[in-house]
C-alpha atoms as a PDB file:
ATOM      1  CA  MET A   1       0.000   0.000   0.000  1.00  0.00           C
ATOM      2  CA  ILE A   2       1.420   3.362  -1.082  1.00  0.00           C
ATOM      3  CA  LYS A   3       0.551   6.096   1.430  1.00  0.00           C
ATOM      4  CA  GLU A   4       0.063   9.632   0.151  1.00  0.00           C
ATOM      5  CA  GLN A   5      -1.046  12.879   1.775  1.00  0.00           C
ATOM      6  CA  ALA A   6      -3.300  13.735  -1.159  1.00  0.00           C
ATOM      7  CA  ILE A   7      -4.030  12.214  -4.554  1.00  0.00           C
ATOM      8  CA  ILE A   8      -5.185  14.138  -7.600  1.00  0.00           C
ATOM      9  CA  ILE A   9      -6.778  12.167 -10.443  1.00  0.00           C
ATOM     10  CA  GLY A  10      -6.052  13.940 -13.728  1.00  0.00           C
ATOM     11  CA  ALA A  11      -3.112  16.046 -14.976  1.00  0.00           C
ATOM     12  CA  GLY A  12      -5.034  18.607 -16.986  1.00  0.00           C
ATOM     13  CA  PRO A  13      -4.636  22.350 -16.324  1.00  0.00           C
ATOM     14  CA  CYS A  14      -6.963  22.317 -13.319  1.00  0.00           C
ATOM     15  CA  GLY A  15      -5.402  19.187 -11.831  1.00  0.00           C
ATOM     16  CA  LEU A  16      -1.958  20.767 -12.181  1.00  0.00           C
ATOM     17  CA  ALA A  17      -3.213  24.001 -10.643  1.00  0.00           C
ATOM     18  CA  ALA A  18      -4.670  22.076  -7.698  1.00  0.00           C
ATOM     19  CA  ALA A  19      -1.361  20.241  -7.170  1.00  0.00           C
ATOM     20  CA  ILE A  20       0.547  23.536  -7.080  1.00  0.00           C
ATOM     21  CA  GLU A  21      -1.853  25.001  -4.502  1.00  0.00           C
ATOM     22  CA  LEU A  22      -1.685  21.892  -2.310  1.00  0.00           C
ATOM     23  CA  GLU A  23       2.133  22.000  -2.430  1.00  0.00           C
ATOM     24  CA  ARG A  24       2.042  25.601  -1.274  1.00  0.00           C
ATOM     25  CA  SER A  25      -0.275  24.675   1.597  1.00  0.00           C
ATOM     26  CA  GLY A  26       2.169  22.071   2.869  1.00  0.00           C
ATOM     27  CA  LEU A  27       0.817  18.917   1.287  1.00  0.00           C
ATOM     28  CA  HIS A  28       2.811  16.878  -1.208  1.00  0.00           C
ATOM     29  CA  PRO A  29       0.246  15.392  -3.605  1.00  0.00           C
ATOM     30  CA  VAL A  30       0.761  12.855  -6.335  1.00  0.00           C
ATOM     31  CA  ILE A  31      -1.136  13.175  -9.624  1.00  0.00           C
ATOM     32  CA  ILE A  32      -2.333   9.991 -11.305  1.00  0.00           C
ATOM     33  CA  GLU A  33      -3.022  10.530 -15.003  1.00  0.00           C
ATOM     34  CA  LYS A  34      -4.268   7.795 -17.313  1.00  0.00           C
ATOM     35  CA  SER A  35      -2.633   9.385 -20.346  1.00  0.00           C
ATOM     36  CA  ASN A  36      -0.220  12.313 -20.743  1.00  0.00           C
ATOM     37  CA  ILE A  37      -0.040  15.776 -19.187  1.00  0.00           C
ATOM     38  CA  ALA A  38      -2.803  18.040 -20.543  1.00  0.00           C
ATOM     39  CA  HIS A  39      -4.236  15.117 -22.488  1.00  0.00           C
ATOM     40  CA  SER A  40      -7.522  16.834 -23.299  1.00  0.00           C
ATOM     41  CA  ILE A  41      -5.743  19.805 -24.856  1.00  0.00           C
ATOM     42  CA  SER A  42      -3.522  17.494 -26.879  1.00  0.00           C
ATOM     43  CA  MET A  43      -6.752  16.055 -28.326  1.00  0.00           C
ATOM     44  CA  TYR A  44      -8.027  19.453 -29.466  1.00  0.00           C
ATOM     45  CA  PRO A  45      -7.976  20.293 -33.186  1.00  0.00           C
ATOM     46  CA  THR A  46      -4.354  20.640 -34.318  1.00  0.00           C
ATOM     47  CA  TYR A  47      -4.584  24.302 -35.317  1.00  0.00           C
ATOM     48  CA  MET A  48      -7.071  25.421 -32.680  1.00  0.00           C
ATOM     49  CA  HIS A  49      -6.738  28.748 -30.874  1.00  0.00           C
ATOM     50  CA  PHE A  50      -8.325  29.298 -27.484  1.00  0.00           C
ATOM     51  CA  PHE A  51     -11.249  31.600 -26.896  1.00  0.00           C
ATOM     52  CA  SER A  52      -9.509  32.887 -23.749  1.00  0.00           C
ATOM     53  CA  THR A  53      -6.558  35.272 -23.618  1.00  0.00           C
ATOM     54  CA  PRO A  54      -3.310  33.802 -22.216  1.00  0.00           C
ATOM     55  CA  GLU A  55      -3.440  35.484 -18.810  1.00  0.00           C
ATOM     56  CA  ARG A  56      -6.808  33.815 -18.157  1.00  0.00           C
ATOM     57  CA  LEU A  57      -5.227  30.384 -18.624  1.00  0.00           C
ATOM     58  CA  GLU A  58      -2.274  30.883 -16.271  1.00  0.00           C
ATOM     59  CA  ILE A  59      -1.669  28.624 -13.271  1.00  0.00           C
ATOM     60  CA  GLY A  60       0.810  28.769 -10.417  1.00  0.00           C
ATOM     61  CA  ASP A  61       1.705  32.440 -11.066  1.00  0.00           C
ATOM     62  CA  ILE A  62       3.704  31.387 -14.126  1.00  0.00           C
ATOM     63  CA  PRO A  63       3.286  33.932 -16.961  1.00  0.00           C
ATOM     64  CA  PHE A  64       1.805  32.555 -20.187  1.00  0.00           C
ATOM     65  CA  THR A  65       3.702  34.491 -22.835  1.00  0.00           C
ATOM     66  CA  THR A  66       2.693  34.473 -26.499  1.00  0.00           C
ATOM     67  CA  PRO A  67       2.785  37.024 -29.330  1.00  0.00           C
ATOM     68  CA  ASN A  68      -0.798  36.076 -30.189  1.00  0.00           C
ATOM     69  CA  ASP A  69      -3.999  37.532 -28.765  1.00  0.00           C
ATOM     70  CA  LYS A  70      -5.351  34.015 -28.312  1.00  0.00           C
ATOM     71  CA  PRO A  71      -2.895  31.184 -27.586  1.00  0.00           C
ATOM     72  CA  SER A  72      -2.775  28.096 -29.769  1.00  0.00           C
ATOM     73  CA  ARG A  73      -3.187  24.487 -28.751  1.00  0.00           C
ATOM     74  CA  LEU A  74       0.569  23.901 -29.126  1.00  0.00           C
ATOM     75  CA  GLU A  75       1.429  26.924 -26.981  1.00  0.00           C
ATOM     76  CA  ALA A  76      -0.944  25.695 -24.271  1.00  0.00           C
ATOM     77  CA  ILE A  77       0.599  22.214 -24.264  1.00  0.00           C
ATOM     78  CA  ASN A  78       4.058  23.731 -23.903  1.00  0.00           C
ATOM     79  CA  TYR A  79       2.874  26.066 -21.144  1.00  0.00           C
ATOM     80  CA  TYR A  80       1.216  23.432 -18.956  1.00  0.00           C
ATOM     81  CA  ARG A  81       4.099  21.008 -19.420  1.00  0.00           C
ATOM     82  CA  THR A  82       6.506  23.746 -18.333  1.00  0.00           C
ATOM     83  CA  ALA A  83       4.335  24.564 -15.303  1.00  0.00           C
ATOM     84  CA  ALA A  84       4.430  20.919 -14.196  1.00  0.00           C
ATOM     85  CA  LEU A  85       8.183  20.620 -14.653  1.00  0.00           C
ATOM     86  CA  ARG A  86       9.012  23.953 -13.043  1.00  0.00           C
ATOM     87  CA  ASN A  87       6.989  23.070  -9.937  1.00  0.00           C
ATOM     88  CA  LYS A  88       8.483  19.552  -9.844  1.00  0.00           C
ATOM     89  CA  LEU A  89       5.031  17.999  -9.600  1.00  0.00           C
ATOM     90  CA  ARG A  90       4.881  14.262  -9.060  1.00  0.00           C
ATOM     91  CA  ILE A  91       2.900  12.785 -11.927  1.00  0.00           C
ATOM     92  CA  ASN A  92       2.259   9.097 -12.503  1.00  0.00           C
ATOM     93  CA  ALA A  93       1.435   9.187 -16.213  1.00  0.00           C
ATOM     94  CA  TYR A  94      -0.253   6.357 -18.114  1.00  0.00           C
ATOM     95  CA  GLU A  95      -1.792   5.000 -14.933  1.00  0.00           C
ATOM     96  CA  THR A  96      -5.575   4.641 -14.550  1.00  0.00           C
ATOM     97  CA  VAL A  97      -7.452   4.860 -11.253  1.00  0.00           C
ATOM     98  CA  LEU A  98     -10.038   2.085 -11.202  1.00  0.00           C
ATOM     99  CA  ARG A  99     -11.643   2.551  -7.773  1.00  0.00           C
ATOM    100  CA  VAL A 100     -11.852   5.088  -4.990  1.00  0.00           C
ATOM    101  CA  GLU A 101     -13.254   3.752  -1.721  1.00  0.00           C
ATOM    102  CA  ARG A 102     -13.635   5.683   1.535  1.00  0.00           C
ATOM    103  CA  GLN A 103     -13.045   3.535   4.599  1.00  0.00           C
ATOM    104  CA  SER A 104     -14.787   3.849   7.959  1.00  0.00           C
ATOM    105  CA  ASP A 105     -11.786   5.741   9.381  1.00  0.00           C
ATOM    106  CA  GLY A 106     -12.098   8.418   6.678  1.00  0.00           C
ATOM    107  CA  VAL A 107      -9.083   7.243   4.694  1.00  0.00           C
ATOM    108  CA  PHE A 108      -9.464   6.535   0.976  1.00  0.00           C
ATOM    109  CA  HIS A 109      -8.190   3.370  -0.673  1.00  0.00           C
ATOM    110  CA  LEU A 110      -7.460   3.721  -4.385  1.00  0.00           C
ATOM    111  CA  THR A 111      -6.789   0.957  -6.864  1.00  0.00           C
ATOM    112  CA  SER A 112      -5.033   1.728 -10.137  1.00  0.00           C
ATOM    113  CA  THR A 113      -3.382  -0.065 -13.017  1.00  0.00           C
ATOM    114  CA  ASP A 114      -0.539   1.017 -15.259  1.00  0.00           C
ATOM    115  CA  ARG A 115      -0.354   0.497 -19.018  1.00  0.00           C
ATOM    116  CA  TYR A 116       1.208  -2.932 -18.502  1.00  0.00           C
ATOM    117  CA  GLY A 117      -1.679  -4.098 -16.345  1.00  0.00           C
ATOM    118  CA  VAL A 118       0.247  -3.915 -13.061  1.00  0.00           C
ATOM    119  CA  GLU A 119      -2.133  -3.062 -10.215  1.00  0.00           C
ATOM    120  CA  LYS A 120      -1.237  -0.579  -7.469  1.00  0.00           C
ATOM    121  CA  GLN A 121      -2.878   0.257  -4.145  1.00  0.00           C
ATOM    122  CA  TYR A 122      -2.870   3.741  -2.580  1.00  0.00           C
ATOM    123  CA  GLU A 123      -4.043   5.224   0.690  1.00  0.00           C
ATOM    124  CA  SER A 124      -4.807   8.906   1.198  1.00  0.00           C
ATOM    125  CA  ARG A 125      -6.837  11.198   3.426  1.00  0.00           C
ATOM    126  CA  TYR A 126      -7.764  13.497   0.525  1.00  0.00           C
ATOM    127  CA  VAL A 127      -8.679  12.809  -3.103  1.00  0.00           C
ATOM    128  CA  ILE A 128      -9.268  15.410  -5.827  1.00  0.00           C
ATOM    129  CA  VAL A 129     -11.009  14.274  -9.009  1.00  0.00           C
ATOM    130  CA  ALA A 130      -9.904  16.469 -11.927  1.00  0.00           C
ATOM    131  CA  THR A 131     -10.692  14.099 -14.763  1.00  0.00           C
ATOM    132  CA  GLY A 132     -12.528  16.381 -17.171  1.00  0.00           C
ATOM    133  CA  TYR A 133     -15.080  15.279 -19.778  1.00  0.00           C
ATOM    134  CA  PHE A 134     -13.161  14.602 -22.945  1.00  0.00           C
ATOM    135  CA  ASP A 135     -13.074  10.799 -22.781  1.00  0.00           C
ATOM    136  CA  HIS A 136     -16.854  10.537 -22.539  1.00  0.00           C
ATOM    137  CA  PRO A 137     -18.668  11.885 -25.610  1.00  0.00           C
ATOM    138  CA  ASN A 138     -22.438  12.209 -25.690  1.00  0.00           C
ATOM    139  CA  TYR A 139     -23.448   9.352 -27.955  1.00  0.00           C
ATOM    140  CA  LEU A 140     -26.481   9.665 -30.204  1.00  0.00           C
ATOM    141  CA  GLY A 141     -27.612   6.075 -29.820  1.00  0.00           C
ATOM    142  CA  ILE A 142     -28.513   5.651 -33.491  1.00  0.00           C
ATOM    143  CA  PRO A 143     -27.808   2.838 -35.976  1.00  0.00           C
ATOM    144  CA  GLY A 144     -24.377   3.165 -37.564  1.00  0.00           C
ATOM    145  CA  GLU A 145     -22.831   5.383 -34.892  1.00  0.00           C
ATOM    146  CA  GLN A 146     -20.108   2.820 -34.198  1.00  0.00           C
ATOM    147  CA  MET A 147     -18.896   2.729 -37.810  1.00  0.00           C
ATOM    148  CA  ASP A 148     -15.283   3.693 -38.542  1.00  0.00           C
ATOM    149  CA  LYS A 149     -16.477   6.689 -40.576  1.00  0.00           C
ATOM    150  CA  VAL A 150     -17.906   8.299 -37.422  1.00  0.00           C
ATOM    151  CA  THR A 151     -15.839  10.245 -34.899  1.00  0.00           C
ATOM    152  CA  HIS A 152     -16.688  12.433 -31.913  1.00  0.00           C
ATOM    153  CA  PHE A 153     -13.358  14.258 -32.159  1.00  0.00           C
ATOM    154  CA  PHE A 154     -12.116  16.657 -34.821  1.00  0.00           C
ATOM    155  CA  ARG A 155      -8.341  16.972 -35.134  1.00  0.00           C
ATOM    156  CA  GLU A 156      -7.625  18.542 -38.543  1.00  0.00           C
ATOM    157  CA  ALA A 157      -9.299  19.030 -41.909  1.00  0.00           C
ATOM    158  CA  HIS A 158      -6.725  17.654 -44.356  1.00  0.00           C
ATOM    159  CA  PRO A 159      -7.889  13.981 -44.332  1.00  0.00           C
ATOM    160  CA  TYR A 160     -11.343  15.090 -45.455  1.00  0.00           C
ATOM    161  CA  THR A 161     -10.360  16.943 -48.631  1.00  0.00           C
ATOM    162  CA  GLY A 162     -12.934  16.291 -51.370  1.00  0.00           C
ATOM    163  CA  MET A 163     -15.140  14.224 -49.060  1.00  0.00           C
ATOM    164  CA  GLU A 164     -18.823  14.545 -48.187  1.00  0.00           C
ATOM    165  CA  VAL A 165     -18.731  15.372 -44.475  1.00  0.00           C
ATOM    166  CA  ALA A 166     -21.731  15.635 -42.153  1.00  0.00           C
ATOM    167  CA  ILE A 167     -21.242  17.563 -38.911  1.00  0.00           C
ATOM    168  CA  ILE A 168     -23.749  16.869 -36.157  1.00  0.00           C
ATOM    169  CA  GLY A 169     -24.058  19.807 -33.751  1.00  0.00           C
ATOM    170  CA  GLY A 170     -24.119  23.585 -33.808  1.00  0.00           C
ATOM    171  CA  SER A 171     -21.673  24.672 -31.107  1.00  0.00           C
ATOM    172  CA  ASN A 172     -18.384  26.522 -31.575  1.00  0.00           C
ATOM    173  CA  SER A 173     -16.532  23.267 -32.170  1.00  0.00           C
ATOM    174  CA  ALA A 174     -18.950  22.298 -34.952  1.00  0.00           C
ATOM    175  CA  ILE A 175     -18.814  25.707 -36.639  1.00  0.00           C
ATOM    176  CA  ASP A 176     -15.019  25.923 -36.420  1.00  0.00           C
ATOM    177  CA  ALA A 177     -14.706  22.437 -37.915  1.00  0.00           C
ATOM    178  CA  ALA A 178     -17.102  23.290 -40.740  1.00  0.00           C
ATOM    179  CA  LEU A 179     -15.150  26.387 -41.736  1.00  0.00           C
ATOM    180  CA  GLU A 180     -11.819  24.564 -41.603  1.00  0.00           C
ATOM    181  CA  LEU A 181     -13.176  21.647 -43.616  1.00  0.00           C
ATOM    182  CA  GLU A 182     -14.592  23.932 -46.294  1.00  0.00           C
ATOM    183  CA  ARG A 183     -11.216  25.626 -46.693  1.00  0.00           C
ATOM    184  CA  VAL A 184      -9.590  22.308 -47.671  1.00  0.00           C
ATOM    185  CA  GLY A 185     -12.267  21.412 -50.184  1.00  0.00           C
ATOM    186  CA  ALA A 186     -14.594  19.200 -48.173  1.00  0.00           C
ATOM    187  CA  LYS A 187     -18.316  19.271 -48.966  1.00  0.00           C
ATOM    188  CA  VAL A 188     -19.868  20.139 -45.624  1.00  0.00           C
ATOM    189  CA  THR A 189     -23.384  19.656 -44.280  1.00  0.00           C
ATOM    190  CA  ILE A 190     -24.134  20.828 -40.718  1.00  0.00           C
ATOM    191  CA  ILE A 191     -27.065  19.039 -39.076  1.00  0.00           C
ATOM    192  CA  TYR A 192     -28.323  20.915 -36.022  1.00  0.00           C
ATOM    193  CA  ARG A 193     -31.436  20.392 -33.934  1.00  0.00           C
ATOM    194  CA  GLY A 194     -31.765  24.091 -33.023  1.00  0.00           C
ATOM    195  CA  GLU A 195     -34.101  26.468 -34.845  1.00  0.00           C
ATOM    196  CA  GLY A 196     -31.262  28.884 -35.601  1.00  0.00           C
ATOM    197  CA  TYR A 197     -27.584  29.524 -34.941  1.00  0.00           C
ATOM    198  CA  SER A 198     -26.432  28.847 -31.396  1.00  0.00           C
ATOM    199  CA  ARG A 199     -25.984  31.959 -29.267  1.00  0.00           C
ATOM    200  CA  SER A 200     -22.688  30.518 -28.036  1.00  0.00           C
ATOM    201  CA  ILE A 201     -20.980  30.922 -31.427  1.00  0.00           C
ATOM    202  CA  LYS A 202     -18.031  33.307 -31.157  1.00  0.00           C
ATOM    203  CA  PRO A 203     -19.122  36.741 -32.449  1.00  0.00           C
ATOM    204  CA  TRP A 204     -16.186  37.081 -34.828  1.00  0.00           C
ATOM    205  CA  VAL A 205     -16.934  33.646 -36.340  1.00  0.00           C
ATOM    206  CA  ARG A 206     -20.670  33.973 -36.888  1.00  0.00           C
ATOM    207  CA  PRO A 207     -20.473  36.293 -39.942  1.00  0.00           C
ATOM    208  CA  SER A 208     -18.158  33.804 -41.657  1.00  0.00           C
ATOM    209  CA  ILE A 209     -20.458  30.829 -41.200  1.00  0.00           C
ATOM    210  CA  GLU A 210     -23.541  32.835 -42.143  1.00  0.00           C
ATOM    211  CA  ASN A 211     -21.858  33.980 -45.355  1.00  0.00           C
ATOM    212  CA  LYS A 212     -20.821  30.429 -46.289  1.00  0.00           C
ATOM    213  CA  VAL A 213     -24.330  29.138 -45.644  1.00  0.00           C
ATOM    214  CA  ASN A 214     -26.121  32.011 -47.398  1.00  0.00           C
ATOM    215  CA  THR A 215     -23.988  31.519 -50.519  1.00  0.00           C
ATOM    216  CA  GLY A 216     -24.533  27.749 -50.517  1.00  0.00           C
ATOM    217  CA  ILE A 217     -20.895  26.876 -49.901  1.00  0.00           C
ATOM    218  CA  ILE A 218     -21.804  25.114 -46.632  1.00  0.00           C
ATOM    219  CA  ARG A 219     -25.165  23.402 -46.228  1.00  0.00           C
ATOM    220  CA  MET A 220     -26.921  24.102 -42.915  1.00  0.00           C
ATOM    221  CA  LEU A 221     -29.933  22.044 -41.787  1.00  0.00           C
ATOM    222  CA  PHE A 222     -31.752  23.489 -38.765  1.00  0.00           C
ATOM    223  CA  GLU A 223     -34.352  21.610 -36.701  1.00  0.00           C
ATOM    224  CA  SER A 224     -32.770  18.401 -37.990  1.00  0.00           C
ATOM    225  CA  ARG A 225     -31.262  15.248 -36.558  1.00  0.00           C
ATOM    226  CA  VAL A 226     -29.459  12.237 -37.952  1.00  0.00           C
ATOM    227  CA  VAL A 227     -31.471   9.081 -37.336  1.00  0.00           C
ATOM    228  CA  GLU A 228     -29.281   6.563 -39.160  1.00  0.00           C
ATOM    229  CA  ILE A 229     -25.743   6.337 -40.552  1.00  0.00           C
ATOM    230  CA  ASN A 230     -24.898   4.075 -43.476  1.00  0.00           C
ATOM    231  CA  SER A 231     -21.787   3.381 -45.539  1.00  0.00           C
ATOM    232  CA  HIS A 232     -22.484   5.957 -48.254  1.00  0.00           C
ATOM    233  CA  HIS A 233     -25.205   8.155 -46.775  1.00  0.00           C
ATOM    234  CA  VAL A 234     -26.948   9.412 -43.656  1.00  0.00           C
ATOM    235  CA  ILE A 235     -30.676   9.676 -43.040  1.00  0.00           C
ATOM    236  CA  VAL A 236     -31.796  13.020 -41.620  1.00  0.00           C
ATOM    237  CA  GLU A 237     -35.168  13.781 -40.078  1.00  0.00           C
ATOM    238  CA  ASN A 238     -36.658  17.282 -39.850  1.00  0.00           C
ATOM    239  CA  PRO A 239     -40.143  18.869 -39.959  1.00  0.00           C
ATOM    240  CA  GLU A 240     -40.266  18.221 -43.699  1.00  0.00           C
ATOM    241  CA  GLY A 241     -39.747  14.478 -43.285  1.00  0.00           C
ATOM    242  CA  ARG A 242     -36.798  12.117 -43.807  1.00  0.00           C
ATOM    243  CA  HIS A 243     -34.009  12.769 -46.290  1.00  0.00           C
ATOM    244  CA  THR A 244     -31.049  10.754 -47.537  1.00  0.00           C
ATOM    245  CA  ILE A 245     -27.796  12.697 -47.832  1.00  0.00           C
ATOM    246  CA  ALA A 246     -24.646  11.396 -49.524  1.00  0.00           C
ATOM    247  CA  ASN A 247     -21.875  10.985 -46.974  1.00  0.00           C
ATOM    248  CA  ASP A 248     -18.298   9.770 -46.562  1.00  0.00           C
ATOM    249  CA  PHE A 249     -17.600  10.825 -42.949  1.00  0.00           C
ATOM    250  CA  VAL A 250     -19.572  11.937 -39.901  1.00  0.00           C
ATOM    251  CA  LEU A 251     -18.254  14.281 -37.184  1.00  0.00           C
ATOM    252  CA  ALA A 252     -20.625  13.888 -34.247  1.00  0.00           C
ATOM    253  CA  LEU A 253     -19.585  16.961 -32.248  1.00  0.00           C
ATOM    254  CA  THR A 254     -22.300  16.553 -29.657  1.00  0.00           C
ATOM    255  CA  GLY A 255     -20.324  17.397 -26.519  1.00  0.00           C
ATOM    256  CA  PHE A 256     -19.095  15.396 -23.558  1.00  0.00           C
ATOM    257  CA  HIS A 257     -20.101  14.465 -20.018  1.00  0.00           C
ATOM    258  CA  PRO A 258     -18.328  13.435 -16.788  1.00  0.00           C
ATOM    259  CA  ASP A 259     -17.659   9.801 -15.980  1.00  0.00           C
ATOM    260  CA  ARG A 260     -20.808   9.396 -13.899  1.00  0.00           C
ATOM    261  CA  GLU A 261     -20.223   5.691 -13.250  1.00  0.00           C
ATOM    262  CA  PHE A 262     -16.785   6.323 -11.728  1.00  0.00           C
ATOM    263  CA  LEU A 263     -18.125   9.160  -9.560  1.00  0.00           C
ATOM    264  CA  THR A 264     -21.160   7.161  -8.438  1.00  0.00           C
ATOM    265  CA  ASN A 265     -19.002   4.167  -7.538  1.00  0.00           C
ATOM    266  CA  SER A 266     -16.863   6.546  -5.477  1.00  0.00           C
ATOM    267  CA  GLY A 267     -19.964   7.586  -3.524  1.00  0.00           C
ATOM    268  CA  VAL A 268     -20.563  10.946  -5.189  1.00  0.00           C
ATOM    269  CA  LYS A 269     -24.207  11.959  -5.491  1.00  0.00           C
ATOM    270  CA  ILE A 270     -25.347  12.692  -9.064  1.00  0.00           C
ATOM    271  CA  GLU A 271     -28.019  15.373  -9.224  1.00  0.00           C
ATOM    272  CA  GLU A 272     -31.137  15.197 -11.397  1.00  0.00           C
ATOM    273  CA  GLU A 273     -29.501  17.144 -14.250  1.00  0.00           C
ATOM    274  CA  GLY A 274     -26.775  14.501 -14.418  1.00  0.00           C
ATOM    275  CA  PHE A 275     -24.019  16.542 -12.769  1.00  0.00           C
ATOM    276  CA  PRO A 276     -22.078  15.542  -9.638  1.00  0.00           C
ATOM    277  CA  TYR A 277     -22.924  17.294  -6.380  1.00  0.00           C
ATOM    278  CA  PHE A 278     -20.301  19.521  -4.744  1.00  0.00           C
ATOM    279  CA  ASP A 279     -20.083  22.546  -2.449  1.00  0.00           C
ATOM    280  CA  GLU A 280     -19.100  25.502  -4.633  1.00  0.00           C
ATOM    281  CA  THR A 281     -17.260  27.214  -1.768  1.00  0.00           C
ATOM    282  CA  THR A 282     -14.981  24.269  -0.972  1.00  0.00           C
ATOM    283  CA  MET A 283     -15.354  21.953  -4.039  1.00  0.00           C
ATOM    284  CA  GLU A 284     -16.001  19.068  -1.623  1.00  0.00           C
ATOM    285  CA  THR A 285     -18.555  16.472  -2.709  1.00  0.00           C
ATOM    286  CA  ASN A 286     -21.037  14.768  -0.411  1.00  0.00           C
ATOM    287  CA  VAL A 287     -18.184  12.359   0.391  1.00  0.00           C
ATOM    288  CA  PRO A 288     -15.979  14.039   3.042  1.00  0.00           C
ATOM    289  CA  GLY A 289     -12.430  14.465   1.772  1.00  0.00           C
ATOM    290  CA  LEU A 290     -13.352  13.876  -1.882  1.00  0.00           C
ATOM    291  CA  TYR A 291     -13.192  17.005  -4.035  1.00  0.00           C
ATOM    292  CA  LEU A 292     -13.821  18.015  -7.647  1.00  0.00           C
ATOM    293  CA  ALA A 293     -11.649  20.352  -9.700  1.00  0.00           C
ATOM    294  CA  GLY A 294     -11.901  21.647 -13.239  1.00  0.00           C
ATOM    295  CA  VAL A 295     -14.368  20.808 -15.958  1.00  0.00           C
ATOM    296  CA  VAL A 296     -15.782  17.810 -14.073  1.00  0.00           C
ATOM    297  CA  ALA A 297     -17.407  20.492 -11.887  1.00  0.00           C
ATOM    298  CA  SER A 298     -18.416  22.744 -14.773  1.00  0.00           C
ATOM    299  CA  LYS A 299     -22.021  21.601 -15.127  1.00  0.00           C
ATOM    300  CA  HIS A 300     -23.284  23.505 -18.184  1.00  0.00           C
ATOM    301  CA  GLU A 301     -19.895  25.070 -18.954  1.00  0.00           C
ATOM    302  CA  ALA A 302     -17.239  23.169 -20.889  1.00  0.00           C
ATOM    303  CA  ASN A 303     -13.738  22.661 -22.215  1.00  0.00           C
ATOM    304  CA  GLU A 304     -11.215  25.461 -22.607  1.00  0.00           C
ATOM    305  CA  ILE A 305     -13.485  28.293 -21.425  1.00  0.00           C
ATOM    306  CA  PHE A 306     -13.788  26.644 -18.043  1.00  0.00           C
ATOM    307  CA  ILE A 307     -10.052  26.678 -17.411  1.00  0.00           C
ATOM    308  CA  GLU A 308     -10.523  30.374 -16.593  1.00  0.00           C
ATOM    309  CA  THR A 309     -12.430  29.527 -13.409  1.00  0.00           C
ATOM    310  CA  GLY A 310     -11.462  25.886 -12.874  1.00  0.00           C
ATOM    311  CA  ARG A 311      -7.834  26.877 -12.303  1.00  0.00           C
ATOM    312  CA  PHE A 312      -8.933  28.467  -8.991  1.00  0.00           C
ATOM    313  CA  HIS A 313     -10.605  25.327  -7.649  1.00  0.00           C
ATOM    314  CA  GLY A 314      -7.318  24.129  -6.196  1.00  0.00           C
ATOM    315  CA  ASN A 315      -7.095  27.232  -4.036  1.00  0.00           C
ATOM    316  CA  LYS A 316     -10.559  26.572  -2.590  1.00  0.00           C
ATOM    317  CA  ILE A 317      -9.638  22.957  -1.918  1.00  0.00           C
ATOM    318  CA  ALA A 318      -6.299  23.835  -0.305  1.00  0.00           C
ATOM    319  CA  GLN A 319      -7.954  26.396   1.965  1.00  0.00           C
ATOM    320  CA  HIS A 320     -10.628  23.917   3.033  1.00  0.00           C
ATOM    321  CA  ILE A 321      -8.142  21.162   3.764  1.00  0.00           C
ATOM    322  CA  ALA A 322      -5.987  23.610   5.734  1.00  0.00           C
ATOM    323  CA  SER A 323      -9.015  24.494   7.903  1.00  0.00           C
ATOM    324  CA  LEU A 324      -9.421  20.805   8.768  1.00  0.00           C
ATOM    325  CA  ARG A 325      -5.814  20.124   9.713  1.00  0.00           C
END
């Protein structure tokens, strides 16, 4: 049994920020990360730029310097890696936490496995879950969704040149993907259940998508949903009936959700809306000593925008733990 003062699950920006704050409060946490540092950001589209300005993404009082108004994905990866190294954070990468169990004495027992299948056992008084959403897409539950032509992640446009691409969703990620795909010669159809453009679309992007749609360069189907995916087409349903649309690839950019099963098995109460319960002043869940940090506590917020506030969760947690010691 490996004994630790505190364990943080997840080495994303908010998990790193929490580790730095706990170090400063006198604890020496270990971070257990099932992939690499800032894994979610490394999965973002290759040429993505953040909505936030660099100073709003900073952690640990380390300046985020860039000549750009909005930092790129690559700059963010470099920044968070540097923050981890500079603060000498202990990170067990490529190790997955399987179970978190609180014992009668208030101590947590954690079971993990590394990429070779070797199981480890940990013991800690405090556990911070900072696992994010990105590994758990919102599935549509329709025939054909599991085909190789379907993905819930968009990395870059080049592989889709000359292809018929259907994008399911109308958020910023869907609109950004559509514009990038059109630029490389893909034939894009956006299928969105809303009656009009989402209010969340970035204001400087909306004129571009409206122009492409109004001129027929990008096809936009409102009040529509995909009901079936086949090898060479998709079937779309809207108020006018069902339609068959030629298709080579489907980008189902329908968002993500927290790992509710893992949280429930850890004892965390899931509220009616499907989000985990926590005290917003301390970030502690209904399980004493078990905290949430980052996008897992974002509820209706998501992804990079939430780093702006999620980076301060570690400070709340550190202050609460300090009051208990």
